[in-house]
Amino acid sequence: MSPLARGRTVLVRDCPAVLIPSGRAVTLRGGTEVVVVQSLGGSFTIQTDGDALARIAATDADALAMTSHGRLQRAPDDRASDEAGQFSLDAVIDALKTVYDPEIPINVVDLGLIYAYEASLLEDGSHRVEIKMSMTAPGCGMGDVLKEDARQRVGAVPGVGAVDVELVWDPPWDLSRLSEDARLELGMW
């Protein structure tokens, strides 16, 4: 199945999910018919019969009668690290590129949601990475979900000892922040 998988399936068990765009946690009941509309960055965006969108984590892929093997882009902790296992900011960006907006099939870097990132050396030789990110709209309920995804993915980068992710709203996000790749993907040329 491609990263933008579309397919109807039935949940084989009760499954935790997060409603999009509110960010409200819910439990979807086993036996519920859903359509997988996106599977990027280690999670699934599904649509229920009631047209609600929800996000299901990769750890619950079995509820969709799917496995993450061959069906999802691999998360950074699944990738082979560089031979020396040394820290690099390029690896931080690569990790952030595996965090996807659940409604728009574009990663948070190409969407222009990452406003700033920097690293500082800790006493134990690892690095603290500080990230400032935004959402496409201030009322987006998925902010905390994407913030936690970013924290986990960057935390898995070799040499990272601590991660702080802050949601910021100034300056407000706008379309000018989209990368060329995102513009192509969205047909905005």
C-alpha atoms as a PDB file:
ATOM      1  CA  MET A   1       0.000   0.000   0.000  1.00  0.00           C
ATOM      2  CA  SER A   2       1.379   3.412  -0.889  1.00  0.00           C
ATOM      3  CA  PRO A   3       1.948   6.087   1.764  1.00  0.00           C
ATOM      4  CA  LEU A   4      -1.323   7.683   0.656  1.00  0.00           C
ATOM      5  CA  ALA A   5      -3.288   4.519   1.133  1.00  0.00           C
ATOM      6  CA  ARG A   6      -7.008   4.548   0.563  1.00  0.00           C
ATOM      7  CA  GLY A   7      -9.005   1.540   1.501  1.00  0.00           C
ATOM      8  CA  ARG A   8     -12.110   0.455   3.332  1.00  0.00           C
ATOM      9  CA  THR A   9     -11.594  -1.810   6.315  1.00  0.00           C
ATOM     10  CA  VAL A  10     -13.348  -2.841   9.513  1.00  0.00           C
ATOM     11  CA  LEU A  11     -11.755  -2.284  12.902  1.00  0.00           C
ATOM     12  CA  VAL A  12     -11.000  -5.685  14.395  1.00  0.00           C
ATOM     13  CA  ARG A  13     -10.919  -4.351  17.972  1.00  0.00           C
ATOM     14  CA  ASP A  14     -11.668  -1.243  19.998  1.00  0.00           C
ATOM     15  CA  CYS A  15      -9.052   1.339  19.146  1.00  0.00           C
ATOM     16  CA  PRO A  16      -7.912   4.642  20.649  1.00  0.00           C
ATOM     17  CA  ALA A  17      -7.949   7.528  18.184  1.00  0.00           C
ATOM     18  CA  VAL A  18      -7.773  11.309  18.084  1.00  0.00           C
ATOM     19  CA  LEU A  19     -10.505  13.263  16.300  1.00  0.00           C
ATOM     20  CA  ILE A  20      -9.328  15.692  13.618  1.00  0.00           C
ATOM     21  CA  PRO A  21      -9.196  18.690  13.887  1.00  0.00           C
ATOM     22  CA  SER A  22     -10.378  18.955  17.519  1.00  0.00           C
ATOM     23  CA  GLY A  23      -7.650  16.723  18.976  1.00  0.00           C
ATOM     24  CA  ARG A  24     -10.191  15.034  21.276  1.00  0.00           C
ATOM     25  CA  ALA A  25      -9.297  11.474  22.301  1.00  0.00           C
ATOM     26  CA  VAL A  26     -11.940   8.845  21.515  1.00  0.00           C
ATOM     27  CA  THR A  27     -12.282   5.089  21.360  1.00  0.00           C
ATOM     28  CA  LEU A  28     -13.497   3.668  18.076  1.00  0.00           C
ATOM     29  CA  ARG A  29     -15.418   0.430  18.507  1.00  0.00           C
ATOM     30  CA  GLY A  30     -14.393  -2.857  16.963  1.00  0.00           C
ATOM     31  CA  GLY A  31     -16.607  -3.686  13.983  1.00  0.00           C
ATOM     32  CA  THR A  32     -16.728  -0.055  12.838  1.00  0.00           C
ATOM     33  CA  GLU A  33     -16.204   0.335   9.100  1.00  0.00           C
ATOM     34  CA  VAL A  34     -13.610   2.999   8.242  1.00  0.00           C
ATOM     35  CA  VAL A  35     -11.746   4.262   5.200  1.00  0.00           C
ATOM     36  CA  VAL A  36      -7.989   4.763   5.480  1.00  0.00           C
ATOM     37  CA  VAL A  37      -7.399   8.080   3.720  1.00  0.00           C
ATOM     38  CA  GLN A  38      -3.747   8.600   4.624  1.00  0.00           C
ATOM     39  CA  SER A  39      -0.913   6.588   6.136  1.00  0.00           C
ATOM     40  CA  LEU A  40       2.148   8.761   6.487  1.00  0.00           C
ATOM     41  CA  GLY A  41       4.824   9.161   9.114  1.00  0.00           C
ATOM     42  CA  GLY A  42       3.738   6.255  11.266  1.00  0.00           C
ATOM     43  CA  SER A  43       0.053   7.016  11.739  1.00  0.00           C
ATOM     44  CA  PHE A  44      -3.223   6.550   9.899  1.00  0.00           C
ATOM     45  CA  THR A  45      -5.897   9.117   9.105  1.00  0.00           C
ATOM     46  CA  ILE A  46      -9.242   7.358   8.816  1.00  0.00           C
ATOM     47  CA  GLN A  47     -12.748   8.470   7.958  1.00  0.00           C
ATOM     48  CA  THR A  48     -15.714   6.933   9.724  1.00  0.00           C
ATOM     49  CA  ASP A  49     -19.128   6.286   8.195  1.00  0.00           C
ATOM     50  CA  GLY A  50     -20.274   9.497   9.905  1.00  0.00           C
ATOM     51  CA  ASP A  51     -17.610  11.375   7.880  1.00  0.00           C
ATOM     52  CA  ALA A  52     -15.531  12.125  10.978  1.00  0.00           C
ATOM     53  CA  LEU A  53     -11.763  12.124  10.503  1.00  0.00           C
ATOM     54  CA  ALA A  54      -9.578  10.524  13.146  1.00  0.00           C
ATOM     55  CA  ARG A  55      -5.918   9.671  13.599  1.00  0.00           C
ATOM     56  CA  ILE A  56      -4.826   6.201  14.666  1.00  0.00           C
ATOM     57  CA  ALA A  57      -1.266   5.654  15.891  1.00  0.00           C
ATOM     58  CA  ALA A  58       1.023   3.094  14.248  1.00  0.00           C
ATOM     59  CA  THR A  59       0.994   1.083  17.472  1.00  0.00           C
ATOM     60  CA  ASP A  60      -2.697   0.406  16.800  1.00  0.00           C
ATOM     61  CA  ALA A  61      -2.280  -0.586  13.140  1.00  0.00           C
ATOM     62  CA  ASP A  62      -3.434  -4.095  14.040  1.00  0.00           C
ATOM     63  CA  ALA A  63      -6.913  -2.690  14.801  1.00  0.00           C
ATOM     64  CA  LEU A  64      -7.087  -1.786  11.109  1.00  0.00           C
ATOM     65  CA  ALA A  65      -6.081  -5.352  10.189  1.00  0.00           C
ATOM     66  CA  MET A  66      -2.845  -3.884   8.869  1.00  0.00           C
ATOM     67  CA  THR A  67       0.750  -4.108   9.857  1.00  0.00           C
ATOM     68  CA  SER A  68       3.256  -1.321   9.717  1.00  0.00           C
ATOM     69  CA  HIS A  69       5.564  -3.629   7.754  1.00  0.00           C
ATOM     70  CA  GLY A  70       5.613  -2.376   4.184  1.00  0.00           C
ATOM     71  CA  ARG A  71       2.618  -0.147   4.713  1.00  0.00           C
ATOM     72  CA  LEU A  72       4.093   2.897   6.408  1.00  0.00           C
ATOM     73  CA  GLN A  73       7.099   5.094   5.986  1.00  0.00           C
ATOM     74  CA  ARG A  74       9.562   4.060   8.651  1.00  0.00           C
ATOM     75  CA  ALA A  75       9.940   6.235  11.711  1.00  0.00           C
ATOM     76  CA  PRO A  76      13.420   7.498  12.534  1.00  0.00           C
ATOM     77  CA  ASP A  77      13.969   4.944  15.284  1.00  0.00           C
ATOM     78  CA  ASP A  78      13.515   2.230  12.626  1.00  0.00           C
ATOM     79  CA  ARG A  79      16.194   3.696  10.373  1.00  0.00           C
ATOM     80  CA  ALA A  80      19.803   2.663  10.511  1.00  0.00           C
ATOM     81  CA  SER A  81      21.709   5.403  12.296  1.00  0.00           C
ATOM     82  CA  ASP A  82      24.961   6.665  10.903  1.00  0.00           C
ATOM     83  CA  GLU A  83      27.946   4.457  11.661  1.00  0.00           C
ATOM     84  CA  ALA A  84      29.376   6.741  14.343  1.00  0.00           C
ATOM     85  CA  GLY A  85      25.937   7.435  15.880  1.00  0.00           C
ATOM     86  CA  GLN A  86      26.878  11.083  16.085  1.00  0.00           C
ATOM     87  CA  PHE A  87      24.398  13.883  16.463  1.00  0.00           C
ATOM     88  CA  SER A  88      23.574  16.131  13.506  1.00  0.00           C
ATOM     89  CA  LEU A  89      20.959  18.795  12.882  1.00  0.00           C
ATOM     90  CA  ASP A  90      20.357  17.191   9.469  1.00  0.00           C
ATOM     91  CA  ALA A  91      19.172  14.077  11.307  1.00  0.00           C
ATOM     92  CA  VAL A  92      16.833  16.270  13.385  1.00  0.00           C
ATOM     93  CA  ILE A  93      15.297  17.691  10.204  1.00  0.00           C
ATOM     94  CA  ASP A  94      15.032  14.190   8.714  1.00  0.00           C
ATOM     95  CA  ALA A  95      13.163  13.089  11.850  1.00  0.00           C
ATOM     96  CA  LEU A  96      10.814  16.083  11.658  1.00  0.00           C
ATOM     97  CA  LYS A  97      10.095  15.223   8.022  1.00  0.00           C
ATOM     98  CA  THR A  98       8.437  12.018   9.275  1.00  0.00           C
ATOM     99  CA  VAL A  99       5.801  14.027  11.191  1.00  0.00           C
ATOM    100  CA  TYR A 100       2.776  14.599   8.949  1.00  0.00           C
ATOM    101  CA  ASP A 101      -0.270  16.780   9.223  1.00  0.00           C
ATOM    102  CA  PRO A 102      -3.172  14.305   9.487  1.00  0.00           C
ATOM    103  CA  GLU A 103      -5.352  16.296   7.064  1.00  0.00           C
ATOM    104  CA  ILE A 104      -2.772  17.454   4.540  1.00  0.00           C
ATOM    105  CA  PRO A 105      -0.392  14.769   3.209  1.00  0.00           C
ATOM    106  CA  ILE A 106       2.656  16.992   3.756  1.00  0.00           C
ATOM    107  CA  ASN A 107       5.260  16.796   6.521  1.00  0.00           C
ATOM    108  CA  VAL A 108       5.604  19.598   9.073  1.00  0.00           C
ATOM    109  CA  VAL A 109       8.934  20.794   7.625  1.00  0.00           C
ATOM    110  CA  ASP A 110       7.621  21.215   4.073  1.00  0.00           C
ATOM    111  CA  LEU A 111       4.411  22.762   5.416  1.00  0.00           C
ATOM    112  CA  GLY A 112       6.594  25.438   7.008  1.00  0.00           C
ATOM    113  CA  LEU A 113       5.402  24.644  10.516  1.00  0.00           C
ATOM    114  CA  ILE A 114       8.942  24.451  11.921  1.00  0.00           C
ATOM    115  CA  TYR A 115       9.864  28.046  12.718  1.00  0.00           C
ATOM    116  CA  ALA A 116      13.174  27.456  14.495  1.00  0.00           C
ATOM    117  CA  TYR A 117      15.362  24.687  15.862  1.00  0.00           C
ATOM    118  CA  GLU A 118      18.662  24.674  17.662  1.00  0.00           C
ATOM    119  CA  ALA A 119      20.781  22.306  19.674  1.00  0.00           C
ATOM    120  CA  SER A 120      22.952  22.764  22.724  1.00  0.00           C
ATOM    121  CA  LEU A 121      25.426  20.364  24.269  1.00  0.00           C
ATOM    122  CA  LEU A 122      24.482  18.787  27.604  1.00  0.00           C
ATOM    123  CA  GLU A 123      26.958  17.795  30.328  1.00  0.00           C
ATOM    124  CA  ASP A 124      26.652  14.095  29.437  1.00  0.00           C
ATOM    125  CA  GLY A 125      27.708  14.778  25.826  1.00  0.00           C
ATOM    126  CA  SER A 126      24.220  14.443  24.367  1.00  0.00           C
ATOM    127  CA  HIS A 127      22.270  17.355  22.924  1.00  0.00           C
ATOM    128  CA  ARG A 128      19.155  19.274  23.940  1.00  0.00           C
ATOM    129  CA  VAL A 129      17.121  20.167  20.854  1.00  0.00           C
ATOM    130  CA  GLU A 130      14.717  23.087  21.096  1.00  0.00           C
ATOM    131  CA  ILE A 131      12.063  23.410  18.416  1.00  0.00           C
ATOM    132  CA  LYS A 132       9.539  26.162  17.791  1.00  0.00           C
ATOM    133  CA  MET A 133       6.669  25.014  15.627  1.00  0.00           C
ATOM    134  CA  SER A 134       3.280  26.324  14.647  1.00  0.00           C
ATOM    135  CA  MET A 135       0.042  24.986  13.193  1.00  0.00           C
ATOM    136  CA  THR A 136      -1.759  26.104  10.066  1.00  0.00           C
ATOM    137  CA  ALA A 137      -4.487  27.611  12.284  1.00  0.00           C
ATOM    138  CA  PRO A 138      -4.380  28.754  15.926  1.00  0.00           C
ATOM    139  CA  GLY A 139      -7.479  26.749  16.832  1.00  0.00           C
ATOM    140  CA  CYS A 140      -6.076  23.457  15.529  1.00  0.00           C
ATOM    141  CA  GLY A 141      -6.709  20.781  18.123  1.00  0.00           C
ATOM    142  CA  MET A 142      -3.964  18.582  16.681  1.00  0.00           C
ATOM    143  CA  GLY A 143      -1.202  20.879  17.960  1.00  0.00           C
ATOM    144  CA  ASP A 144      -0.409  18.804  21.037  1.00  0.00           C
ATOM    145  CA  VAL A 145      -0.521  15.576  19.005  1.00  0.00           C
ATOM    146  CA  LEU A 146       1.929  16.853  16.381  1.00  0.00           C
ATOM    147  CA  LYS A 147       4.080  18.426  19.094  1.00  0.00           C
ATOM    148  CA  GLU A 148       4.381  15.039  20.826  1.00  0.00           C
ATOM    149  CA  ASP A 149       5.113  13.298  17.497  1.00  0.00           C
ATOM    150  CA  ALA A 150       7.942  15.774  16.893  1.00  0.00           C
ATOM    151  CA  ARG A 151       9.288  15.296  20.410  1.00  0.00           C
ATOM    152  CA  GLN A 152       9.316  11.494  20.080  1.00  0.00           C
ATOM    153  CA  ARG A 153      10.824  11.430  16.597  1.00  0.00           C
ATOM    154  CA  VAL A 154      13.600  13.906  17.421  1.00  0.00           C
ATOM    155  CA  GLY A 155      14.210  12.126  20.732  1.00  0.00           C
ATOM    156  CA  ALA A 156      15.086   8.986  18.748  1.00  0.00           C
ATOM    157  CA  VAL A 157      17.862  10.760  16.803  1.00  0.00           C
ATOM    158  CA  PRO A 158      21.344   9.552  17.811  1.00  0.00           C
ATOM    159  CA  GLY A 159      22.964  11.926  20.292  1.00  0.00           C
ATOM    160  CA  VAL A 160      19.742  13.592  21.453  1.00  0.00           C
ATOM    161  CA  GLY A 161      19.294  13.612  25.216  1.00  0.00           C
ATOM    162  CA  ALA A 162      16.391  16.048  25.582  1.00  0.00           C
ATOM    163  CA  VAL A 163      13.805  17.649  23.317  1.00  0.00           C
ATOM    164  CA  ASP A 164      11.686  20.723  23.961  1.00  0.00           C
ATOM    165  CA  VAL A 165       8.960  21.552  21.453  1.00  0.00           C
ATOM    166  CA  GLU A 166       7.099  24.833  21.829  1.00  0.00           C
ATOM    167  CA  LEU A 167       3.993  25.787  19.870  1.00  0.00           C
ATOM    168  CA  VAL A 168       4.225  29.397  18.722  1.00  0.00           C
ATOM    169  CA  TRP A 169       1.695  31.587  16.928  1.00  0.00           C
ATOM    170  CA  ASP A 170       3.787  34.600  15.986  1.00  0.00           C
ATOM    171  CA  PRO A 171       4.193  35.126  13.153  1.00  0.00           C
ATOM    172  CA  PRO A 172       0.967  33.438  12.076  1.00  0.00           C
ATOM    173  CA  TRP A 173       1.466  30.645   9.566  1.00  0.00           C
ATOM    174  CA  ASP A 174       0.517  31.422   5.960  1.00  0.00           C
ATOM    175  CA  LEU A 175       0.913  29.809   2.539  1.00  0.00           C
ATOM    176  CA  SER A 176       4.197  31.607   1.887  1.00  0.00           C
ATOM    177  CA  ARG A 177       5.862  29.168   4.333  1.00  0.00           C
ATOM    178  CA  LEU A 178       5.199  26.136   2.076  1.00  0.00           C
ATOM    179  CA  SER A 179       8.273  24.549   0.508  1.00  0.00           C
ATOM    180  CA  GLU A 180       8.489  24.104  -3.259  1.00  0.00           C
ATOM    181  CA  ASP A 181       7.849  20.379  -2.763  1.00  0.00           C
ATOM    182  CA  ALA A 182       4.682  21.124  -0.782  1.00  0.00           C
ATOM    183  CA  ARG A 183       3.496  23.589  -3.429  1.00  0.00           C
ATOM    184  CA  LEU A 184       3.983  20.934  -6.110  1.00  0.00           C
ATOM    185  CA  GLU A 185       2.199  18.288  -4.056  1.00  0.00           C
ATOM    186  CA  LEU A 186      -0.737  20.606  -3.407  1.00  0.00           C
ATOM    187  CA  GLY A 187      -0.855  21.938  -6.969  1.00  0.00           C
ATOM    188  CA  MET A 188      -0.282  25.518  -5.857  1.00  0.00           C
ATOM    189  CA  TRP A 189       1.922  26.815  -8.687  1.00  0.00           C
END
